[in-house]
Amino acid sequence: MDINIKVENIKCGGCAHTVSSSLLKLPHVESVDVEIEDGLVKVSGDEELDREALVKKLTSLGYPEEGKGNTLTTATSYVSCMVGKITK
């Protein structure tokens, strides 16, 4: 099963690394591809892959689904970005 989610705040490789590494820890996720330029997160997994769980995790990292962000999620994304750059 493939799920594509267009998100806000992805700006660089650090952001992409945080998103990928975090989503890969979720149940049923097999692979994650992040298109930085388009803000698109492509997730592949088994038939039990849960879109709501993915969106919830992305939002907690500061990368909400397009059109659903706010000032707090933007600030959170800066922290996630820096962590991604450090651990990359």
PDB file of N, CA and C in Angstrom:
ATOM      1  N   MET A   1       0.850  -1.176   0.000  1.00  0.00           N
ATOM      2  CA  MET A   1       0.000   0.000   0.000  1.00  0.00           C
ATOM      3  C   MET A   1       0.894   1.237   0.000  1.00  0.00           C
ATOM      4  N   ASP A   2       0.527   2.220  -0.782  1.00  0.00           N
ATOM      5  CA  ASP A   2       1.259   3.487  -0.846  1.00  0.00           C
ATOM      6  C   ASP A   2       0.355   4.625  -0.404  1.00  0.00           C
ATOM      7  N   ILE A   3       0.914   5.528   0.396  1.00  0.00           N
ATOM      8  CA  ILE A   3       0.189   6.719   0.843  1.00  0.00           C
ATOM      9  C   ILE A   3       1.077   7.928   0.581  1.00  0.00           C
ATOM     10  N   ASN A   4       0.516   8.926  -0.093  1.00  0.00           N
ATOM     11  CA  ASN A   4       1.212  10.186  -0.352  1.00  0.00           C
ATOM     12  C   ASN A   4       0.557  11.286   0.466  1.00  0.00           C
ATOM     13  N   ILE A   5       1.390  12.067   1.160  1.00  0.00           N
ATOM     14  CA  ILE A   5       0.880  13.150   1.996  1.00  0.00           C
ATOM     15  C   ILE A   5       1.672  14.412   1.671  1.00  0.00           C
ATOM     16  N   LYS A   6       0.976  15.446   1.248  1.00  0.00           N
ATOM     17  CA  LYS A   6       1.611  16.738   0.982  1.00  0.00           C
ATOM     18  C   LYS A   6       1.654  17.494   2.306  1.00  0.00           C
ATOM     19  N   VAL A   7       2.855  17.913   2.719  1.00  0.00           N
ATOM     20  CA  VAL A   7       3.032  18.537   4.028  1.00  0.00           C
ATOM     21  C   VAL A   7       3.660  19.917   3.910  1.00  0.00           C
ATOM     22  N   GLU A   8       3.586  20.648   5.001  1.00  0.00           N
ATOM     23  CA  GLU A   8       4.191  21.977   5.105  1.00  0.00           C
ATOM     24  C   GLU A   8       5.552  21.889   5.795  1.00  0.00           C
ATOM     25  N   ASN A   9       6.374  22.891   5.586  1.00  0.00           N
ATOM     26  CA  ASN A   9       7.607  23.152   6.341  1.00  0.00           C
ATOM     27  C   ASN A   9       8.828  22.324   5.978  1.00  0.00           C
ATOM     28  N   ILE A  10       8.761  21.412   5.019  1.00  0.00           N
ATOM     29  CA  ILE A  10       9.969  20.671   4.640  1.00  0.00           C
ATOM     30  C   ILE A  10      10.829  21.579   3.777  1.00  0.00           C
ATOM     31  N   LYS A  11      12.027  21.861   4.270  1.00  0.00           N
ATOM     32  CA  LYS A  11      12.882  22.831   3.592  1.00  0.00           C
ATOM     33  C   LYS A  11      14.232  22.277   3.139  1.00  0.00           C
ATOM     34  N   CYS A  12      14.675  21.166   3.767  1.00  0.00           N
ATOM     35  CA  CYS A  12      16.042  20.719   3.482  1.00  0.00           C
ATOM     36  C   CYS A  12      16.210  19.229   3.759  1.00  0.00           C
ATOM     37  N   GLY A  13      17.424  18.754   3.569  1.00  0.00           N
ATOM     38  CA  GLY A  13      17.752  17.363   3.827  1.00  0.00           C
ATOM     39  C   GLY A  13      17.612  16.978   5.290  1.00  0.00           C
ATOM     40  N   GLY A  14      17.853  17.930   6.187  1.00  0.00           N
ATOM     41  CA  GLY A  14      17.684  17.644   7.615  1.00  0.00           C
ATOM     42  C   GLY A  14      16.233  17.342   7.944  1.00  0.00           C
ATOM     43  N   CYS A  15      15.336  18.134   7.359  1.00  0.00           N
ATOM     44  CA  CYS A  15      13.897  17.892   7.536  1.00  0.00           C
ATOM     45  C   CYS A  15      13.538  16.517   6.985  1.00  0.00           C
ATOM     46  N   ALA A  16      14.002  16.229   5.788  1.00  0.00           N
ATOM     47  CA  ALA A  16      13.695  14.957   5.133  1.00  0.00           C
ATOM     48  C   ALA A  16      14.212  13.776   5.960  1.00  0.00           C
ATOM     49  N   HIS A  17      15.405  13.927   6.519  1.00  0.00           N
ATOM     50  CA  HIS A  17      15.981  12.857   7.342  1.00  0.00           C
ATOM     51  C   HIS A  17      15.127  12.609   8.582  1.00  0.00           C
ATOM     52  N   THR A  18      14.709  13.681   9.246  1.00  0.00           N
ATOM     53  CA  THR A  18      13.866  13.534  10.433  1.00  0.00           C
ATOM     54  C   THR A  18      12.566  12.832  10.088  1.00  0.00           C
ATOM     55  N   VAL A  19      11.931  13.262   9.000  1.00  0.00           N
ATOM     56  CA  VAL A  19      10.670  12.659   8.583  1.00  0.00           C
ATOM     57  C   VAL A  19      10.864  11.179   8.275  1.00  0.00           C
ATOM     58  N   SER A  20      11.851  10.865   7.456  1.00  0.00           N
ATOM     59  CA  SER A  20      12.088   9.469   7.066  1.00  0.00           C
ATOM     60  C   SER A  20      12.392   8.581   8.264  1.00  0.00           C
ATOM     61  N   SER A  21      13.344   8.994   9.078  1.00  0.00           N
ATOM     62  CA  SER A  21      13.752   8.146  10.197  1.00  0.00           C
ATOM     63  C   SER A  21      12.624   7.963  11.207  1.00  0.00           C
ATOM     64  N   SER A  22      11.815   8.982  11.406  1.00  0.00           N
ATOM     65  CA  SER A  22      10.710   8.883  12.358  1.00  0.00           C
ATOM     66  C   SER A  22       9.581   7.996  11.841  1.00  0.00           C
ATOM     67  N   LEU A  23       9.223   8.171  10.585  1.00  0.00           N
ATOM     68  CA  LEU A  23       8.129   7.356  10.029  1.00  0.00           C
ATOM     69  C   LEU A  23       8.516   5.888   9.893  1.00  0.00           C
ATOM     70  N   LEU A  24       9.785   5.622   9.637  1.00  0.00           N
ATOM     71  CA  LEU A  24      10.234   4.233   9.509  1.00  0.00           C
ATOM     72  C   LEU A  24      10.107   3.452  10.819  1.00  0.00           C
ATOM     73  N   LYS A  25       9.970   4.150  11.927  1.00  0.00           N
ATOM     74  CA  LYS A  25       9.806   3.498  13.227  1.00  0.00           C
ATOM     75  C   LYS A  25       8.362   3.099  13.496  1.00  0.00           C
ATOM     76  N   LEU A  26       7.435   3.588  12.677  1.00  0.00           N
ATOM     77  CA  LEU A  26       6.023   3.275  12.882  1.00  0.00           C
ATOM     78  C   LEU A  26       5.695   1.879  12.352  1.00  0.00           C
ATOM     79  N   PRO A  27       4.701   1.234  12.958  1.00  0.00           N
ATOM     80  CA  PRO A  27       4.286  -0.095  12.481  1.00  0.00           C
ATOM     81  C   PRO A  27       3.800  -0.040  11.035  1.00  0.00           C
ATOM     82  N   HIS A  28       4.110  -1.079  10.291  1.00  0.00           N
ATOM     83  CA  HIS A  28       3.617  -1.307   8.931  1.00  0.00           C
ATOM     84  C   HIS A  28       4.288  -0.433   7.872  1.00  0.00           C
ATOM     85  N   VAL A  29       5.239   0.440   8.265  1.00  0.00           N
ATOM     86  CA  VAL A  29       5.947   1.286   7.295  1.00  0.00           C
ATOM     87  C   VAL A  29       7.169   0.532   6.788  1.00  0.00           C
ATOM     88  N   GLU A  30       7.279   0.421   5.473  1.00  0.00           N
ATOM     89  CA  GLU A  30       8.407  -0.285   4.862  1.00  0.00           C
ATOM     90  C   GLU A  30       9.412   0.660   4.224  1.00  0.00           C
ATOM     91  N   SER A  31       8.948   1.768   3.647  1.00  0.00           N
ATOM     92  CA  SER A  31       9.867   2.735   3.054  1.00  0.00           C
ATOM     93  C   SER A  31       9.232   4.121   3.050  1.00  0.00           C
ATOM     94  N   VAL A  32      10.103   5.139   3.053  1.00  0.00           N
ATOM     95  CA  VAL A  32       9.665   6.529   3.044  1.00  0.00           C
ATOM     96  C   VAL A  32      10.534   7.289   2.055  1.00  0.00           C
ATOM     97  N   ASP A  33       9.889   8.068   1.203  1.00  0.00           N
ATOM     98  CA  ASP A  33      10.589   8.936   0.258  1.00  0.00           C
ATOM     99  C   ASP A  33      10.053  10.344   0.457  1.00  0.00           C
ATOM    100  N   VAL A  34      10.953  11.317   0.627  1.00  0.00           N
ATOM    101  CA  VAL A  34      10.542  12.700   0.839  1.00  0.00           C
ATOM    102  C   VAL A  34      11.018  13.539  -0.341  1.00  0.00           C
ATOM    103  N   GLU A  35      10.076  14.191  -1.006  1.00  0.00           N
ATOM    104  CA  GLU A  35      10.396  15.117  -2.090  1.00  0.00           C
ATOM    105  C   GLU A  35      10.376  16.523  -1.505  1.00  0.00           C
ATOM    106  N   ILE A  36      11.563  17.045  -1.213  1.00  0.00           N
ATOM    107  CA  ILE A  36      11.704  18.329  -0.530  1.00  0.00           C
ATOM    108  C   ILE A  36      11.042  19.451  -1.319  1.00  0.00           C
ATOM    109  N   GLU A  37      11.305  19.517  -2.607  1.00  0.00           N
ATOM    110  CA  GLU A  37      10.805  20.617  -3.429  1.00  0.00           C
ATOM    111  C   GLU A  37       9.283  20.687  -3.448  1.00  0.00           C
ATOM    112  N   ASP A  38       8.625  19.536  -3.427  1.00  0.00           N
ATOM    113  CA  ASP A  38       7.171  19.470  -3.516  1.00  0.00           C
ATOM    114  C   ASP A  38       6.493  19.332  -2.154  1.00  0.00           C
ATOM    115  N   GLY A  39       7.290  19.109  -1.102  1.00  0.00           N
ATOM    116  CA  GLY A  39       6.708  18.881   0.219  1.00  0.00           C
ATOM    117  C   GLY A  39       5.880  17.611   0.265  1.00  0.00           C
ATOM    118  N   LEU A  40       6.313  16.624  -0.501  1.00  0.00           N
ATOM    119  CA  LEU A  40       5.542  15.382  -0.613  1.00  0.00           C
ATOM    120  C   LEU A  40       6.254  14.249   0.121  1.00  0.00           C
ATOM    121  N   VAL A  41       5.508  13.573   0.981  1.00  0.00           N
ATOM    122  CA  VAL A  41       6.021  12.419   1.711  1.00  0.00           C
ATOM    123  C   VAL A  41       5.308  11.194   1.158  1.00  0.00           C
ATOM    124  N   LYS A  42       6.096  10.258   0.616  1.00  0.00           N
ATOM    125  CA  LYS A  42       5.553   9.031   0.041  1.00  0.00           C
ATOM    126  C   LYS A  42       5.931   7.876   0.959  1.00  0.00           C
ATOM    127  N   VAL A  43       4.913   7.193   1.453  1.00  0.00           N
ATOM    128  CA  VAL A  43       5.135   6.104   2.396  1.00  0.00           C
ATOM    129  C   VAL A  43       4.582   4.811   1.799  1.00  0.00           C
ATOM    130  N   SER A  44       5.387   3.766   1.853  1.00  0.00           N
ATOM    131  CA  SER A  44       4.949   2.440   1.413  1.00  0.00           C
ATOM    132  C   SER A  44       4.962   1.501   2.601  1.00  0.00           C
ATOM    133  N   GLY A  45       3.980   0.596   2.609  1.00  0.00           N
ATOM    134  CA  GLY A  45       3.900  -0.366   3.691  1.00  0.00           C
ATOM    135  C   GLY A  45       2.912  -1.458   3.371  1.00  0.00           C
ATOM    136  N   ASP A  46       2.657  -2.265   4.379  1.00  0.00           N
ATOM    137  CA  ASP A  46       1.716  -3.354   4.170  1.00  0.00           C
ATOM    138  C   ASP A  46       0.279  -2.837   4.192  1.00  0.00           C
ATOM    139  N   GLU A  47      -0.663  -3.761   4.083  1.00  0.00           N
ATOM    140  CA  GLU A  47      -2.073  -3.378   3.954  1.00  0.00           C
ATOM    141  C   GLU A  47      -2.654  -2.725   5.208  1.00  0.00           C
ATOM    142  N   GLU A  48      -1.936  -2.791   6.328  1.00  0.00           N
ATOM    143  CA  GLU A  48      -2.411  -2.175   7.568  1.00  0.00           C
ATOM    144  C   GLU A  48      -1.827  -0.785   7.806  1.00  0.00           C
ATOM    145  N   LEU A  49      -1.134  -0.238   6.824  1.00  0.00           N
ATOM    146  CA  LEU A  49      -0.567   1.104   6.932  1.00  0.00           C
ATOM    147  C   LEU A  49      -1.689   2.101   7.230  1.00  0.00           C
ATOM    148  N   ASP A  50      -1.501   2.925   8.240  1.00  0.00           N
ATOM    149  CA  ASP A  50      -2.549   3.811   8.751  1.00  0.00           C
ATOM    150  C   ASP A  50      -2.235   5.270   8.419  1.00  0.00           C
ATOM    151  N   ARG A  51      -3.012   5.858   7.505  1.00  0.00           N
ATOM    152  CA  ARG A  51      -2.782   7.244   7.079  1.00  0.00           C
ATOM    153  C   ARG A  51      -2.906   8.211   8.258  1.00  0.00           C
ATOM    154  N   GLU A  52      -3.892   8.014   9.125  1.00  0.00           N
ATOM    155  CA  GLU A  52      -4.081   8.893  10.275  1.00  0.00           C
ATOM    156  C   GLU A  52      -2.867   8.885  11.195  1.00  0.00           C
ATOM    157  N   ALA A  53      -2.284   7.715  11.420  1.00  0.00           N
ATOM    158  CA  ALA A  53      -1.096   7.615  12.276  1.00  0.00           C
ATOM    159  C   ALA A  53       0.082   8.356  11.635  1.00  0.00           C
ATOM    160  N   LEU A  54       0.197   8.270  10.323  1.00  0.00           N
ATOM    161  CA  LEU A  54       1.271   8.977   9.623  1.00  0.00           C
ATOM    162  C   LEU A  54       1.100  10.481   9.748  1.00  0.00           C
ATOM    163  N   VAL A  55      -0.110  10.971   9.511  1.00  0.00           N
ATOM    164  CA  VAL A  55      -0.392  12.406   9.600  1.00  0.00           C
ATOM    165  C   VAL A  55      -0.150  12.906  11.024  1.00  0.00           C
ATOM    166  N   LYS A  56      -0.571  12.126  12.008  1.00  0.00           N
ATOM    167  CA  LYS A  56      -0.369  12.507  13.408  1.00  0.00           C
ATOM    168  C   LYS A  56       1.122  12.627  13.732  1.00  0.00           C
ATOM    169  N   LYS A  57       1.909  11.660  13.293  1.00  0.00           N
ATOM    170  CA  LYS A  57       3.352  11.692  13.551  1.00  0.00           C
ATOM    171  C   LYS A  57       3.997  12.872  12.833  1.00  0.00           C
ATOM    172  N   LEU A  58       3.639  13.087  11.572  1.00  0.00           N
ATOM    173  CA  LEU A  58       4.186  14.219  10.824  1.00  0.00           C
ATOM    174  C   LEU A  58       3.861  15.541  11.513  1.00  0.00           C
ATOM    175  N   THR A  59       2.638  15.686  11.978  1.00  0.00           N
ATOM    176  CA  THR A  59       2.229  16.914  12.664  1.00  0.00           C
ATOM    177  C   THR A  59       3.024  17.100  13.950  1.00  0.00           C
ATOM    178  N   SER A  60       3.237  16.028  14.693  1.00  0.00           N
ATOM    179  CA  SER A  60       4.000  16.131  15.948  1.00  0.00           C
ATOM    180  C   SER A  60       5.445  16.537  15.701  1.00  0.00           C
ATOM    181  N   LEU A  61       5.955  16.217  14.510  1.00  0.00           N
ATOM    182  CA  LEU A  61       7.321  16.591  14.140  1.00  0.00           C
ATOM    183  C   LEU A  61       7.409  18.016  13.608  1.00  0.00           C
ATOM    184  N   GLY A  62       6.250  18.631  13.330  1.00  0.00           N
ATOM    185  CA  GLY A  62       6.233  19.986  12.789  1.00  0.00           C
ATOM    186  C   GLY A  62       5.982  20.044  11.293  1.00  0.00           C
ATOM    187  N   TYR A  63       5.541  18.934  10.718  1.00  0.00           N
ATOM    188  CA  TYR A  63       5.281  18.858   9.280  1.00  0.00           C
ATOM    189  C   TYR A  63       3.827  18.438   9.045  1.00  0.00           C
ATOM    190  N   PRO A  64       2.889  19.359   9.324  1.00  0.00           N
ATOM    191  CA  PRO A  64       1.471  19.010   9.180  1.00  0.00           C
ATOM    192  C   PRO A  64       1.070  18.881   7.712  1.00  0.00           C
ATOM    193  N   GLU A  65      -0.035  18.214   7.514  1.00  0.00           N
ATOM    194  CA  GLU A  65      -0.587  18.111   6.174  1.00  0.00           C
ATOM    195  C   GLU A  65      -0.851  19.523   5.647  1.00  0.00           C
ATOM    196  N   GLU A  66      -0.637  19.720   4.366  1.00  0.00           N
ATOM    197  CA  GLU A  66      -0.771  21.039   3.755  1.00  0.00           C
ATOM    198  C   GLU A  66      -2.112  21.680   4.126  1.00  0.00           C
ATOM    199  N   GLY A  67      -2.034  22.944   4.560  1.00  0.00           N
ATOM    200  CA  GLY A  67      -3.226  23.697   4.919  1.00  0.00           C
ATOM    201  C   GLY A  67      -3.689  23.519   6.348  1.00  0.00           C
ATOM    202  N   LYS A  68      -2.973  22.690   7.128  1.00  0.00           N
ATOM    203  CA  LYS A  68      -3.410  22.414   8.500  1.00  0.00           C
ATOM    204  C   LYS A  68      -2.387  22.829   9.550  1.00  0.00           C
ATOM    205  N   GLY A  69      -1.391  23.594   9.134  1.00  0.00           N
ATOM    206  CA  GLY A  69      -0.345  23.998  10.060  1.00  0.00           C
ATOM    207  C   GLY A  69      -0.696  25.263  10.815  1.00  0.00           C
ATOM    208  N   ASN A  70       0.158  25.592  11.785  1.00  0.00           N
ATOM    209  CA  ASN A  70       0.022  26.824  12.557  1.00  0.00           C
ATOM    210  C   ASN A  70       1.405  27.249  13.033  1.00  0.00           C
ATOM    211  N   THR A  71       1.473  28.287  13.828  1.00  0.00           N
ATOM    212  CA  THR A  71       2.758  28.803  14.297  1.00  0.00           C
ATOM    213  C   THR A  71       3.527  27.763  15.101  1.00  0.00           C
ATOM    214  N   LEU A  72       2.840  26.991  15.915  1.00  0.00           N
ATOM    215  CA  LEU A  72       3.506  25.972  16.732  1.00  0.00           C
ATOM    216  C   LEU A  72       4.133  24.886  15.865  1.00  0.00           C
ATOM    217  N   THR A  73       3.420  24.424  14.844  1.00  0.00           N
ATOM    218  CA  THR A  73       3.988  23.378  13.995  1.00  0.00           C
ATOM    219  C   THR A  73       5.171  23.905  13.204  1.00  0.00           C
ATOM    220  N   THR A  74       5.132  25.179  12.831  1.00  0.00           N
ATOM    221  CA  THR A  74       6.276  25.770  12.122  1.00  0.00           C
ATOM    222  C   THR A  74       7.496  25.807  13.037  1.00  0.00           C
ATOM    223  N   ALA A  75       7.308  26.230  14.278  1.00  0.00           N
ATOM    224  CA  ALA A  75       8.417  26.275  15.236  1.00  0.00           C
ATOM    225  C   ALA A  75       8.955  24.871  15.499  1.00  0.00           C
ATOM    226  N   THR A  76       8.072  23.902  15.632  1.00  0.00           N
ATOM    227  CA  THR A  76       8.482  22.520  15.874  1.00  0.00           C
ATOM    228  C   THR A  76       9.301  21.991  14.709  1.00  0.00           C
ATOM    229  N   SER A  77       8.953  22.395  13.492  1.00  0.00           N
ATOM    230  CA  SER A  77       9.684  21.906  12.323  1.00  0.00           C
ATOM    231  C   SER A  77      11.130  22.387  12.333  1.00  0.00           C
ATOM    232  N   TYR A  78      11.393  23.596  12.856  1.00  0.00           N
ATOM    233  CA  TYR A  78      12.766  24.087  12.933  1.00  0.00           C
ATOM    234  C   TYR A  78      13.616  23.207  13.848  1.00  0.00           C
ATOM    235  N   VAL A  79      13.033  22.780  14.963  1.00  0.00           N
ATOM    236  CA  VAL A  79      13.735  21.883  15.877  1.00  0.00           C
ATOM    237  C   VAL A  79      13.992  20.543  15.214  1.00  0.00           C
ATOM    238  N   SER A  80      12.966  19.992  14.559  1.00  0.00           N
ATOM    239  CA  SER A  80      13.112  18.706  13.865  1.00  0.00           C
ATOM    240  C   SER A  80      14.168  18.800  12.775  1.00  0.00           C
ATOM    241  N   CYS A  81      14.187  19.904  12.072  1.00  0.00           N
ATOM    242  CA  CYS A  81      15.168  20.130  11.004  1.00  0.00           C
ATOM    243  C   CYS A  81      16.590  20.072  11.572  1.00  0.00           C
ATOM    244  N   MET A  82      16.819  20.779  12.664  1.00  0.00           N
ATOM    245  CA  MET A  82      18.163  20.809  13.260  1.00  0.00           C
ATOM    246  C   MET A  82      18.572  19.429  13.762  1.00  0.00           C
ATOM    247  N   VAL A  83      17.654  18.716  14.381  1.00  0.00           N
ATOM    248  CA  VAL A  83      17.948  17.364  14.843  1.00  0.00           C
ATOM    249  C   VAL A  83      18.305  16.484  13.642  1.00  0.00           C
ATOM    250  N   GLY A  84      17.561  16.632  12.563  1.00  0.00           N
ATOM    251  CA  GLY A  84      17.836  15.858  11.348  1.00  0.00           C
ATOM    252  C   GLY A  84      19.207  16.156  10.780  1.00  0.00           C
ATOM    253  N   LYS A  85      19.621  17.411  10.836  1.00  0.00           N
ATOM    254  CA  LYS A  85      20.944  17.787  10.322  1.00  0.00           C
ATOM    255  C   LYS A  85      22.063  17.213  11.188  1.00  0.00           C
ATOM    256  N   ILE A  86      21.826  17.204  12.491  1.00  0.00           N
ATOM    257  CA  ILE A  86      22.848  16.700  13.417  1.00  0.00           C
ATOM    258  C   ILE A  86      23.001  15.196  13.328  1.00  0.00           C
ATOM    259  N   THR A  87      21.883  14.480  13.201  1.00  0.00           N
ATOM    260  CA  THR A  87      21.935  13.022  13.209  1.00  0.00           C
ATOM    261  C   THR A  87      22.122  12.402  11.826  1.00  0.00           C
ATOM    262  N   LYS A  88      22.105  13.220  10.803  1.00  0.00           N
ATOM    263  CA  LYS A  88      22.210  12.738   9.430  1.00  0.00           C
ATOM    264  C   LYS A  88      23.530  12.074   9.154  1.00  0.00           C
TER     265      LYS A  88
END
